[in-house]
N, C-alpha and C. Protein backbone atom coordinates (compact mmCIF):
# COMPACT_ATOMS: atom_id res chain seq x y z
N MET A 1 179.01 -119.99 31.46
CA MET A 1 179.24 -118.73 30.85
C MET A 1 179.91 -119.17 29.50
N LYS A 2 180.65 -120.14 29.50
CA LYS A 2 181.33 -120.67 28.47
C LYS A 2 180.23 -121.03 27.27
N ARG A 3 179.06 -121.51 27.87
CA ARG A 3 178.11 -121.77 26.77
C ARG A 3 177.41 -120.62 26.47
N ASN A 4 177.35 -119.60 27.28
CA ASN A 4 176.72 -118.32 26.68
C ASN A 4 177.60 -117.61 25.69
N LYS A 5 178.90 -117.65 26.00
CA LYS A 5 179.69 -117.18 25.06
C LYS A 5 179.78 -117.85 23.68
N LYS A 6 179.75 -119.20 23.86
CA LYS A 6 179.56 -120.15 22.65
C LYS A 6 178.30 -119.71 21.94
N GLU A 7 177.18 -119.61 22.57
CA GLU A 7 175.87 -119.52 22.03
C GLU A 7 175.87 -118.08 21.28
N GLN A 8 176.74 -117.17 22.04
CA GLN A 8 176.57 -115.84 21.42
C GLN A 8 177.48 -115.74 20.40
N SER A 9 178.50 -116.55 20.27
CA SER A 9 179.48 -116.43 19.13
C SER A 9 178.67 -117.07 18.06
N GLU A 10 177.88 -118.27 18.18
CA GLU A 10 177.25 -118.84 17.24
C GLU A 10 176.22 -118.04 16.65
N GLN A 11 175.62 -117.22 17.47
CA GLN A 11 174.54 -116.16 17.10
C GLN A 11 175.01 -115.03 16.20
N VAL A 12 176.28 -114.68 16.65
CA VAL A 12 176.96 -113.71 15.98
C VAL A 12 177.29 -114.09 14.50
N ASN A 13 177.98 -115.49 14.32
CA ASN A 13 178.13 -116.02 13.29
C ASN A 13 177.03 -116.15 12.38
N GLU A 14 175.86 -116.62 12.84
CA GLU A 14 174.67 -116.67 12.12
C GLU A 14 174.13 -115.45 11.56
N GLN A 15 174.36 -114.39 12.20
CA GLN A 15 173.95 -113.07 11.97
C GLN A 15 174.87 -112.48 10.86
N VAL A 16 176.09 -112.87 11.01
CA VAL A 16 177.21 -112.36 10.00
C VAL A 16 176.72 -113.27 8.68
N GLN A 17 176.64 -114.45 8.85
CA GLN A 17 176.14 -115.18 7.55
C GLN A 17 175.02 -114.60 6.96
N ALA A 18 173.86 -114.33 7.72
CA ALA A 18 172.52 -113.89 7.28
C ALA A 18 172.77 -112.41 6.59
N ASN A 19 173.69 -111.66 7.26
CA ASN A 19 173.92 -110.28 6.48
C ASN A 19 174.61 -110.39 5.26
N GLU A 20 175.60 -111.45 5.14
CA GLU A 20 176.27 -111.77 3.99
C GLU A 20 175.35 -112.28 2.83
N MET A 21 174.34 -113.15 3.22
CA MET A 21 173.39 -113.62 2.35
C MET A 21 172.54 -112.53 1.85
N GLN A 22 172.19 -111.55 2.74
CA GLN A 22 171.31 -110.53 2.48
C GLN A 22 172.00 -109.60 1.48
N ASN A 23 173.41 -109.28 1.86
CA ASN A 23 174.04 -108.53 0.92
C ASN A 23 174.40 -109.17 -0.66
N GLN A 24 174.40 -110.61 -0.60
CA GLN A 24 174.48 -111.07 -1.77
C GLN A 24 173.28 -111.09 -2.65
N ALA A 25 172.01 -111.19 -1.88
CA ALA A 25 170.71 -111.08 -2.50
C ALA A 25 170.40 -109.66 -3.19
N GLU A 26 170.85 -108.60 -2.28
CA GLU A 26 170.78 -107.43 -2.77
C GLU A 26 171.64 -107.01 -3.96
N GLU A 27 172.78 -107.61 -4.07
CA GLU A 27 173.67 -107.41 -5.22
C GLU A 27 172.95 -108.11 -6.29
N VAL A 28 172.45 -109.36 -6.24
CA VAL A 28 171.81 -109.97 -7.36
C VAL A 28 170.62 -109.21 -7.80
N SER A 29 169.86 -108.84 -6.76
CA SER A 29 168.66 -108.04 -7.06
C SER A 29 169.04 -106.67 -7.77
N VAL A 30 169.97 -106.08 -7.43
CA VAL A 30 170.48 -104.89 -8.00
C VAL A 30 170.88 -105.23 -9.36
N GLY A 31 171.55 -106.38 -9.73
CA GLY A 31 172.08 -106.85 -10.93
C GLY A 31 170.78 -107.16 -11.79
N ASP A 32 169.91 -107.86 -11.05
CA ASP A 32 168.64 -108.28 -11.87
C ASP A 32 167.89 -106.89 -12.42
N SER A 33 167.75 -105.97 -11.46
CA SER A 33 166.99 -104.75 -11.90
C SER A 33 167.69 -103.92 -12.87
N ALA A 34 169.16 -104.04 -12.88
CA ALA A 34 169.75 -103.24 -13.96
C ALA A 34 169.50 -104.15 -15.24
N ALA A 35 169.41 -105.38 -15.09
CA ALA A 35 169.36 -106.09 -16.58
C ALA A 35 168.01 -105.80 -17.03
N GLU A 36 166.95 -105.85 -15.98
CA GLU A 36 165.62 -105.70 -16.11
C GLU A 36 165.44 -104.22 -16.75
N SER A 37 166.04 -103.34 -16.32
CA SER A 37 165.99 -101.82 -16.76
C SER A 37 166.51 -101.86 -18.17
N ASN A 38 167.64 -102.61 -18.48
CA ASN A 38 168.14 -102.68 -19.82
C ASN A 38 167.19 -103.16 -20.87
N ASP A 39 166.57 -104.34 -20.41
CA ASP A 39 165.54 -104.99 -21.15
C ASP A 39 164.34 -103.97 -21.49
N LEU A 40 163.78 -103.25 -20.39
CA LEU A 40 162.59 -102.39 -20.59
C LEU A 40 163.20 -101.24 -21.50
N ALA A 41 164.47 -100.68 -21.50
CA ALA A 41 164.83 -99.72 -22.10
C ALA A 41 164.91 -99.95 -23.82
N ALA A 42 165.31 -101.30 -23.85
CA ALA A 42 165.41 -101.72 -25.32
C ALA A 42 164.06 -102.07 -25.75
N LYS A 43 163.05 -102.61 -25.13
CA LYS A 43 161.71 -102.85 -25.50
C LYS A 43 161.03 -101.46 -25.72
N LEU A 44 161.23 -100.33 -24.91
CA LEU A 44 160.86 -98.98 -25.15
C LEU A 44 161.24 -98.35 -26.53
N ALA A 45 162.50 -98.57 -26.83
CA ALA A 45 163.17 -97.92 -27.88
C ALA A 45 162.62 -98.69 -29.17
N GLU A 46 162.35 -100.26 -29.07
CA GLU A 46 161.73 -100.89 -30.10
C GLU A 46 160.22 -100.58 -30.33
N LYS A 47 159.43 -100.13 -29.27
CA LYS A 47 158.11 -99.73 -29.53
C LYS A 47 158.17 -98.31 -30.07
N GLU A 48 159.13 -97.33 -29.62
CA GLU A 48 159.01 -95.95 -30.16
C GLU A 48 159.35 -96.04 -31.74
N LYS A 49 160.21 -97.06 -32.17
CA LYS A 49 160.47 -97.08 -33.60
C LYS A 49 159.28 -97.39 -34.35
N GLU A 50 158.56 -98.54 -33.62
CA GLU A 50 157.29 -99.10 -34.23
C GLU A 50 156.27 -98.05 -34.31
N ALA A 51 156.13 -97.13 -33.29
CA ALA A 51 155.21 -96.07 -33.14
C ALA A 51 155.64 -94.93 -34.32
N ALA A 52 156.79 -94.80 -34.33
CA ALA A 52 157.36 -93.88 -35.54
C ALA A 52 156.82 -94.39 -37.02
N ALA A 53 157.17 -95.66 -37.10
CA ALA A 53 156.88 -96.23 -38.39
C ALA A 53 155.39 -96.13 -38.92
N ASN A 54 154.61 -96.51 -37.76
CA ASN A 54 153.11 -96.56 -37.86
C ASN A 54 152.64 -95.08 -38.10
N TYR A 55 153.11 -94.29 -37.46
CA TYR A 55 152.72 -92.73 -37.63
C TYR A 55 153.10 -92.31 -39.16
N ASP A 56 154.27 -92.65 -39.44
CA ASP A 56 154.82 -92.57 -41.02
C ASP A 56 153.68 -92.97 -41.92
N LYS A 57 153.29 -94.33 -41.74
CA LYS A 57 152.31 -94.88 -42.63
C LYS A 57 150.94 -94.17 -42.62
N TYR A 58 150.51 -93.75 -41.35
CA TYR A 58 149.30 -93.02 -41.40
C TYR A 58 149.46 -91.69 -42.10
N VAL A 59 150.47 -90.96 -42.02
CA VAL A 59 150.60 -89.86 -42.82
C VAL A 59 150.48 -89.93 -44.28
N ARG A 60 151.32 -91.00 -44.64
CA ARG A 60 151.41 -91.41 -46.06
C ARG A 60 149.96 -91.86 -46.58
N ALA A 61 149.30 -92.49 -45.68
CA ALA A 61 147.90 -93.01 -46.18
C ALA A 61 146.91 -91.85 -46.19
N VAL A 62 147.06 -91.00 -45.33
CA VAL A 62 146.27 -89.70 -45.41
C VAL A 62 146.64 -88.78 -46.71
N ALA A 63 147.86 -88.71 -46.93
CA ALA A 63 148.25 -87.98 -48.06
C ALA A 63 147.73 -88.53 -49.29
N GLU A 64 147.88 -89.83 -49.33
CA GLU A 64 147.44 -90.83 -50.57
C GLU A 64 145.77 -90.54 -50.72
N LEU A 65 145.18 -90.59 -49.64
CA LEU A 65 143.59 -90.43 -49.79
C LEU A 65 143.33 -89.19 -50.31
N ASP A 66 144.01 -87.91 -49.65
CA ASP A 66 143.80 -86.76 -50.16
C ASP A 66 143.99 -86.59 -51.66
N ASN A 67 145.11 -87.14 -52.13
CA ASN A 67 145.49 -87.04 -53.41
C ASN A 67 144.43 -87.80 -54.50
N TYR A 68 143.98 -89.11 -53.89
CA TYR A 68 142.79 -89.76 -54.70
C TYR A 68 141.68 -88.88 -54.72
N LYS A 69 141.27 -88.20 -53.53
CA LYS A 69 139.92 -87.44 -53.66
C LYS A 69 140.13 -86.34 -54.76
N LYS A 70 141.20 -85.67 -54.70
CA LYS A 70 141.54 -84.52 -55.71
C LYS A 70 141.61 -85.17 -57.16
N ARG A 71 142.24 -86.38 -57.38
CA ARG A 71 142.20 -86.90 -58.63
C ARG A 71 140.67 -87.34 -59.03
N ALA A 72 139.92 -88.04 -58.15
CA ALA A 72 138.50 -88.36 -58.50
C ALA A 72 137.72 -87.12 -58.86
N VAL A 73 137.98 -85.94 -58.25
CA VAL A 73 137.12 -84.70 -58.46
C VAL A 73 137.54 -84.14 -59.85
N LYS A 74 138.81 -84.26 -60.25
CA LYS A 74 139.30 -83.77 -61.48
C LYS A 74 138.83 -84.80 -62.72
N GLU A 75 138.90 -85.95 -62.35
CA GLU A 75 138.25 -86.94 -63.33
C GLU A 75 136.83 -86.85 -63.56
N LYS A 76 136.23 -86.59 -62.51
CA LYS A 76 134.62 -86.34 -62.74
C LYS A 76 134.54 -85.03 -63.42
N ASN A 77 135.04 -84.18 -63.33
CA ASN A 77 134.84 -82.84 -63.96
C ASN A 77 135.17 -83.03 -65.50
N GLU A 78 136.19 -83.90 -65.57
CA GLU A 78 136.60 -84.02 -66.98
C GLU A 78 135.64 -84.84 -67.85
N ILE A 79 135.06 -85.93 -66.97
CA ILE A 79 134.04 -86.77 -67.47
C ILE A 79 132.67 -85.79 -67.94
N LEU A 80 132.42 -84.98 -67.00
CA LEU A 80 131.11 -84.16 -67.36
C LEU A 80 131.46 -83.27 -68.52
N LYS A 81 132.59 -82.79 -68.56
CA LYS A 81 133.07 -81.66 -69.63
C LYS A 81 133.26 -82.35 -70.91
N TYR A 82 133.78 -83.44 -71.02
CA TYR A 82 134.08 -84.21 -72.14
C TYR A 82 133.52 -85.42 -72.54
N GLY A 83 132.68 -85.87 -71.64
CA GLY A 83 131.81 -87.18 -71.66
C GLY A 83 131.15 -87.27 -73.18
N ASN A 84 130.62 -86.08 -73.68
CA ASN A 84 129.70 -86.42 -74.77
C ASN A 84 130.63 -86.11 -76.07
N GLU A 85 131.94 -86.26 -75.83
CA GLU A 85 132.73 -86.33 -77.23
C GLU A 85 132.69 -87.20 -78.27
N GLU A 86 132.49 -88.41 -77.97
CA GLU A 86 132.34 -89.33 -78.95
C GLU A 86 130.93 -89.15 -79.81
N ILE A 87 129.82 -89.13 -79.09
CA ILE A 87 128.67 -88.78 -79.83
C ILE A 87 128.73 -87.76 -80.63
N VAL A 88 129.34 -86.40 -80.03
CA VAL A 88 129.42 -85.12 -80.85
C VAL A 88 130.25 -85.61 -82.14
N LYS A 89 131.40 -86.09 -82.00
CA LYS A 89 132.17 -86.67 -83.17
C LYS A 89 131.43 -87.29 -84.22
N ASP A 90 130.59 -88.36 -83.82
CA ASP A 90 129.75 -89.14 -84.59
C ASP A 90 128.51 -88.12 -85.15
N ILE A 91 128.21 -87.10 -84.50
CA ILE A 91 127.23 -86.33 -85.11
C ILE A 91 127.70 -85.33 -86.05
N LEU A 92 128.86 -84.84 -86.13
CA LEU A 92 129.40 -83.87 -86.93
C LEU A 92 129.34 -84.18 -88.42
N PRO A 93 129.24 -85.43 -88.81
CA PRO A 93 129.14 -85.58 -90.33
C PRO A 93 127.68 -85.28 -90.80
N PHE A 94 126.73 -85.30 -89.87
CA PHE A 94 125.45 -84.85 -90.33
C PHE A 94 125.40 -83.46 -90.67
N LEU A 95 126.16 -82.63 -89.87
CA LEU A 95 126.37 -81.25 -90.18
C LEU A 95 126.78 -81.10 -91.57
N ASP A 96 127.79 -81.74 -91.90
CA ASP A 96 128.51 -81.81 -93.26
C ASP A 96 127.45 -82.06 -94.18
N SER A 97 126.56 -83.18 -93.99
CA SER A 97 125.65 -83.69 -94.96
C SER A 97 124.59 -82.56 -95.28
N LEU A 98 124.20 -81.75 -94.22
CA LEU A 98 123.06 -80.62 -94.34
C LEU A 98 123.73 -79.68 -94.98
N ASP A 99 124.91 -79.22 -94.78
CA ASP A 99 125.66 -78.10 -95.43
C ASP A 99 125.55 -78.49 -97.03
N ARG A 100 125.84 -79.70 -97.49
CA ARG A 100 125.86 -80.06 -98.69
C ARG A 100 124.38 -80.19 -99.41
N ALA A 101 123.33 -80.57 -98.55
CA ALA A 101 122.01 -80.61 -98.93
C ALA A 101 121.54 -79.02 -99.23
N LEU A 102 121.83 -78.05 -98.33
CA LEU A 102 121.45 -76.82 -98.34
C LEU A 102 122.11 -76.23 -99.67
N GLU A 103 123.52 -76.49 -99.94
CA GLU A 103 124.01 -76.05 -101.25
C GLU A 103 123.30 -76.44 -102.25
N HIS A 104 123.13 -77.80 -102.51
CA HIS A 104 122.28 -78.48 -103.39
C HIS A 104 120.99 -77.88 -103.70
N ALA A 105 120.27 -77.53 -102.56
CA ALA A 105 118.91 -76.68 -102.65
C ALA A 105 119.01 -75.45 -103.45
N GLU A 106 120.02 -74.84 -103.12
CA GLU A 106 120.10 -73.36 -103.78
C GLU A 106 120.39 -73.51 -105.29
N THR A 107 121.20 -74.44 -105.55
CA THR A 107 121.43 -74.60 -107.10
C THR A 107 120.45 -75.40 -107.91
N SER A 108 119.74 -76.05 -107.32
CA SER A 108 118.90 -77.33 -107.96
C SER A 108 117.43 -77.02 -107.83
N ASN A 109 116.69 -77.25 -108.75
CA ASN A 109 115.19 -77.33 -108.41
C ASN A 109 114.56 -78.66 -108.43
N ASP A 110 115.37 -79.57 -108.43
CA ASP A 110 114.93 -81.12 -108.20
C ASP A 110 114.33 -81.35 -106.95
N ILE A 111 113.14 -81.34 -106.53
CA ILE A 111 112.55 -81.64 -105.05
C ILE A 111 112.76 -82.85 -104.77
N GLU A 112 112.63 -83.74 -105.62
CA GLU A 112 112.72 -85.25 -105.17
C GLU A 112 114.05 -85.70 -104.89
N ALA A 113 115.20 -85.14 -105.61
CA ALA A 113 116.56 -85.27 -105.22
C ALA A 113 116.83 -84.93 -103.76
N PHE A 114 116.16 -83.73 -103.51
CA PHE A 114 116.31 -82.98 -102.19
C PHE A 114 115.68 -83.74 -101.11
N LYS A 115 114.49 -84.38 -101.37
CA LYS A 115 113.87 -85.13 -100.46
C LYS A 115 114.68 -86.51 -100.12
N GLU A 116 115.09 -87.23 -101.23
CA GLU A 116 115.88 -88.27 -101.30
C GLU A 116 117.33 -88.09 -100.31
N GLY A 117 117.81 -86.80 -100.47
CA GLY A 117 119.04 -86.49 -99.64
C GLY A 117 118.61 -86.40 -98.21
N LEU A 118 117.46 -85.78 -97.93
CA LEU A 118 117.19 -85.72 -96.56
C LEU A 118 116.75 -86.99 -95.85
N LYS A 119 116.27 -87.91 -96.63
CA LYS A 119 115.88 -89.31 -96.21
C LYS A 119 117.31 -89.88 -95.85
N LEU A 120 118.31 -89.89 -96.77
CA LEU A 120 119.49 -90.39 -96.47
C LEU A 120 120.22 -89.92 -95.20
N ILE A 121 119.99 -88.63 -94.98
CA ILE A 121 120.58 -88.00 -93.82
C ILE A 121 119.74 -88.46 -92.57
N GLN A 122 118.52 -88.54 -92.66
CA GLN A 122 117.98 -89.04 -91.51
C GLN A 122 118.21 -90.50 -91.06
N ASP A 123 118.59 -91.26 -92.09
CA ASP A 123 118.85 -92.73 -91.90
C ASP A 123 120.39 -92.56 -91.25
N GLN A 124 121.13 -91.87 -91.81
CA GLN A 124 122.40 -91.83 -91.34
C GLN A 124 122.52 -91.39 -89.78
N LEU A 125 121.52 -90.49 -89.51
CA LEU A 125 121.40 -89.85 -88.10
C LEU A 125 120.99 -91.07 -87.17
N PHE A 126 119.89 -91.78 -87.71
CA PHE A 126 119.30 -92.80 -86.80
C PHE A 126 120.41 -94.03 -86.82
N THR A 127 121.02 -94.30 -87.79
CA THR A 127 122.16 -95.14 -87.55
C THR A 127 123.15 -94.93 -86.44
N CYS A 128 123.55 -93.56 -86.41
CA CYS A 128 124.50 -93.13 -85.43
C CYS A 128 123.89 -93.20 -83.96
N LEU A 129 122.61 -92.90 -83.87
CA LEU A 129 121.82 -92.98 -82.70
C LEU A 129 121.71 -94.30 -82.18
N LYS A 130 121.57 -95.18 -83.01
CA LYS A 130 121.49 -96.74 -82.85
C LYS A 130 122.84 -97.19 -82.14
N LYS A 131 123.72 -96.56 -82.68
CA LYS A 131 125.19 -96.88 -82.45
C LYS A 131 125.35 -96.63 -80.77
N HIS A 132 124.66 -95.65 -80.33
CA HIS A 132 124.82 -95.08 -78.99
C HIS A 132 123.69 -95.38 -78.17
N GLY A 133 122.99 -96.54 -78.70
CA GLY A 133 121.86 -97.21 -77.85
C GLY A 133 120.55 -96.53 -77.78
N VAL A 134 120.32 -95.76 -78.71
CA VAL A 134 118.91 -95.04 -79.05
C VAL A 134 118.19 -95.95 -79.90
N GLU A 135 116.99 -96.32 -79.55
CA GLU A 135 115.95 -97.04 -80.30
C GLU A 135 114.76 -96.14 -80.42
N ALA A 136 113.95 -96.29 -81.60
CA ALA A 136 112.71 -95.61 -81.75
C ALA A 136 111.80 -96.53 -81.26
N ILE A 137 110.60 -96.15 -80.56
CA ILE A 137 109.49 -96.85 -80.09
C ILE A 137 108.44 -97.18 -81.40
N GLU A 138 108.21 -98.30 -81.75
CA GLU A 138 107.22 -98.67 -82.68
C GLU A 138 105.85 -98.69 -82.01
N CYS A 139 105.05 -97.76 -82.54
CA CYS A 139 103.79 -97.89 -81.86
C CYS A 139 102.40 -97.84 -82.71
N ALA A 140 102.44 -97.55 -84.07
CA ALA A 140 101.35 -97.47 -84.96
C ALA A 140 100.82 -98.78 -84.89
N GLY A 141 99.47 -98.98 -84.66
CA GLY A 141 98.79 -100.22 -84.76
C GLY A 141 99.08 -101.14 -83.32
N GLU A 142 99.79 -100.55 -82.46
CA GLU A 142 100.11 -101.36 -81.17
C GLU A 142 99.00 -101.04 -80.31
N ALA A 143 98.91 -101.86 -79.19
CA ALA A 143 98.12 -101.54 -78.12
C ALA A 143 98.76 -100.58 -77.31
N PHE A 144 97.80 -99.63 -76.66
CA PHE A 144 98.28 -98.45 -76.00
C PHE A 144 98.90 -98.88 -74.71
N ASP A 145 100.40 -98.43 -74.36
CA ASP A 145 101.04 -98.80 -73.31
C ASP A 145 101.50 -97.58 -72.44
N PRO A 146 100.93 -97.43 -71.26
CA PRO A 146 101.26 -95.98 -70.78
C PRO A 146 102.76 -95.90 -70.29
N ASN A 147 103.44 -97.13 -70.27
CA ASN A 147 104.96 -96.94 -69.88
C ASN A 147 105.82 -96.40 -71.06
N PHE A 148 105.08 -96.46 -72.31
CA PHE A 148 106.02 -95.97 -73.54
C PHE A 148 105.12 -95.03 -74.36
N HIS A 149 103.83 -94.94 -74.22
CA HIS A 149 102.98 -93.95 -74.82
C HIS A 149 102.38 -92.82 -74.06
N GLU A 150 102.14 -91.70 -74.64
CA GLU A 150 101.47 -90.67 -74.05
C GLU A 150 100.33 -90.43 -74.86
N ALA A 151 99.06 -90.64 -74.27
CA ALA A 151 97.81 -90.35 -75.20
C ALA A 151 97.55 -88.84 -75.18
N MET A 152 97.59 -88.33 -76.39
CA MET A 152 97.26 -86.87 -76.72
C MET A 152 95.65 -86.75 -76.76
N MET A 153 95.23 -87.75 -77.47
CA MET A 153 93.60 -87.76 -77.67
C MET A 153 93.22 -89.00 -77.88
N GLN A 154 91.74 -89.15 -77.86
CA GLN A 154 91.11 -90.47 -78.11
C GLN A 154 90.28 -90.05 -79.23
N MET A 155 89.92 -91.27 -80.16
CA MET A 155 89.21 -91.01 -81.30
C MET A 155 88.34 -92.35 -81.44
N GLU A 156 87.14 -92.13 -81.72
CA GLU A 156 86.34 -93.35 -81.99
C GLU A 156 86.62 -93.78 -83.41
N SER A 157 86.76 -95.12 -83.66
CA SER A 157 87.04 -95.76 -85.06
C SER A 157 86.46 -97.16 -84.92
N ALA A 158 85.87 -97.44 -86.06
CA ALA A 158 85.25 -98.63 -86.24
C ALA A 158 86.48 -99.71 -86.79
N ASP A 159 87.58 -99.16 -87.25
CA ASP A 159 88.55 -99.92 -88.11
C ASP A 159 89.60 -100.37 -87.03
N HIS A 160 89.44 -99.85 -85.76
CA HIS A 160 90.59 -100.38 -84.77
C HIS A 160 90.07 -100.79 -83.47
N GLU A 161 90.97 -101.53 -82.88
CA GLU A 161 90.36 -102.16 -81.57
C GLU A 161 90.54 -101.08 -80.48
N ASP A 162 89.82 -101.58 -79.53
CA ASP A 162 89.74 -100.39 -78.31
C ASP A 162 90.98 -100.42 -77.83
N ASN A 163 91.63 -99.24 -77.48
CA ASN A 163 92.77 -99.07 -76.77
C ASN A 163 93.96 -99.23 -77.81
N GLN A 164 93.73 -99.17 -78.98
CA GLN A 164 94.82 -99.45 -80.21
C GLN A 164 95.40 -98.03 -80.46
N VAL A 165 96.50 -97.89 -80.71
CA VAL A 165 97.26 -96.62 -81.25
C VAL A 165 96.75 -96.42 -82.65
N ILE A 166 96.09 -95.37 -83.11
CA ILE A 166 95.73 -94.99 -84.34
C ILE A 166 96.93 -94.13 -84.99
N ASN A 167 97.10 -93.13 -84.32
CA ASN A 167 98.24 -92.09 -84.89
C ASN A 167 99.51 -92.05 -84.05
N GLU A 168 100.46 -91.62 -84.51
CA GLU A 168 101.67 -91.11 -83.81
C GLU A 168 101.87 -89.70 -84.11
N PHE A 169 101.77 -88.71 -83.09
CA PHE A 169 102.13 -87.38 -83.30
C PHE A 169 103.63 -87.16 -83.25
N GLN A 170 104.23 -87.77 -82.18
CA GLN A 170 105.69 -87.58 -82.22
C GLN A 170 106.27 -88.96 -81.49
N ARG A 171 107.33 -89.15 -82.30
CA ARG A 171 108.03 -90.56 -82.30
C ARG A 171 108.72 -90.54 -80.63
N GLY A 172 108.60 -91.63 -79.97
CA GLY A 172 109.35 -91.75 -78.73
C GLY A 172 110.51 -92.66 -78.90
N TYR A 173 111.42 -92.54 -77.98
CA TYR A 173 112.77 -93.23 -78.11
C TYR A 173 112.95 -93.89 -76.63
N LEU A 174 113.92 -94.81 -76.86
CA LEU A 174 114.48 -95.54 -75.62
C LEU A 174 116.09 -95.33 -75.64
N LEU A 175 116.60 -95.21 -74.58
CA LEU A 175 118.13 -95.09 -74.67
C LEU A 175 118.46 -96.31 -73.67
N ASN A 176 119.10 -97.38 -74.40
CA ASN A 176 119.68 -98.55 -73.70
C ASN A 176 118.48 -99.24 -73.10
N GLY A 177 117.28 -99.30 -73.49
CA GLY A 177 116.11 -100.11 -72.89
C GLY A 177 115.35 -98.95 -71.95
N ARG A 178 115.84 -97.87 -71.58
CA ARG A 178 115.18 -96.96 -70.58
C ARG A 178 114.52 -95.85 -71.48
N LEU A 179 113.32 -95.49 -71.05
CA LEU A 179 112.56 -94.55 -71.78
C LEU A 179 113.22 -93.18 -71.77
N LEU A 180 113.47 -92.60 -73.00
CA LEU A 180 113.98 -91.40 -72.98
C LEU A 180 112.96 -90.25 -73.35
N ARG A 181 111.97 -90.84 -74.19
CA ARG A 181 110.79 -89.81 -74.39
C ARG A 181 109.72 -90.81 -74.95
N PRO A 182 108.48 -90.45 -74.22
CA PRO A 182 107.38 -91.47 -74.72
C PRO A 182 106.83 -90.86 -76.13
N SER A 183 106.20 -91.93 -76.74
CA SER A 183 105.61 -91.57 -78.08
C SER A 183 104.20 -90.77 -77.86
N LYS A 184 104.03 -89.61 -78.49
CA LYS A 184 102.64 -89.00 -78.36
C LYS A 184 101.80 -89.52 -79.37
N VAL A 185 100.62 -90.12 -78.89
CA VAL A 185 99.77 -90.81 -79.73
C VAL A 185 98.30 -90.55 -79.71
N CYS A 186 97.58 -90.95 -80.66
CA CYS A 186 96.08 -90.99 -80.54
C CYS A 186 95.71 -92.38 -80.33
N VAL A 187 94.65 -92.59 -79.47
CA VAL A 187 94.28 -94.02 -79.10
C VAL A 187 92.74 -93.95 -79.51
N CYS A 188 92.54 -95.38 -79.90
CA CYS A 188 91.02 -95.61 -80.31
C CYS A 188 90.15 -95.76 -79.14
N LYS A 189 89.05 -95.17 -79.05
CA LYS A 189 88.08 -95.27 -78.21
C LYS A 189 86.79 -95.99 -79.00
N LYS A 190 86.71 -97.32 -78.68
CA LYS A 190 85.73 -98.07 -79.41
C LYS A 190 84.30 -97.65 -79.26
N ILE A 191 83.68 -97.52 -80.43
CA ILE A 191 82.17 -97.01 -80.46
C ILE A 191 81.28 -98.19 -79.82
N CYS A 192 80.49 -97.79 -78.92
CA CYS A 192 79.59 -98.82 -78.23
C CYS A 192 78.14 -98.67 -79.11
N LYS A 193 78.16 -99.68 -80.16
CA LYS A 193 76.86 -99.83 -80.78
C LYS A 193 75.61 -100.08 -80.01
N GLU A 194 75.75 -100.75 -78.92
CA GLU A 194 74.51 -100.96 -78.22
C GLU A 194 73.85 -99.85 -77.48
N ASN A 195 75.03 -98.92 -76.93
CA ASN A 195 74.52 -97.56 -76.42
C ASN A 195 73.73 -96.84 -77.45
N ASN A 196 74.34 -96.70 -78.59
CA ASN A 196 73.72 -96.03 -79.70
C ASN A 196 72.16 -96.51 -79.99
N VAL A 197 72.11 -97.89 -79.94
CA VAL A 197 70.72 -98.36 -80.53
C VAL A 197 69.86 -98.00 -79.31
N ASP A 198 70.09 -98.08 -77.96
CA ASP A 198 69.44 -97.72 -77.01
C ASP A 198 68.73 -96.33 -76.97
N GLU A 199 69.95 -95.47 -77.32
CA GLU A 199 69.54 -94.00 -77.55
C GLU A 199 68.71 -93.66 -78.37
């Protein structure tokens, strides 16, 4: 019996020790979970701050893009409206020259001086157009090129080669190397002497 009591007392002691260890473990676990909870709360607060900062950046970026679009539309409209301002400023002196030529024509009977004045105005205008990238297409005596010439008629000629430009009805122009208007021309159609002999 003494042994049983001793065994029972040892068992009780063991159980008490186990309970104490379990209580300590629970206290540590509660302490750990409280620390963990505080860490999680701190991380959550940090992520909420980061999310708010990212949302603020997003809102600003959308506003900047919207402002850029409005500014681009406004600039495009201004370019379309005032884009020809430079060339118009360069052309205005020709109007002045033409006004002076018309005044001179009313008071003078000198046709040669009037023709010379018109030639000067034409040269002045062509110089202005060259400044803005406009070039005349030279075609008299050249071989017909459908990229730059528009054939209005064909004419038989013994003095010209086959497919050679004889006459220019309307001058063509290039703008910075790109065709603005083709030259309207008359093209040589070679006379076939052999056919005439056979006939």
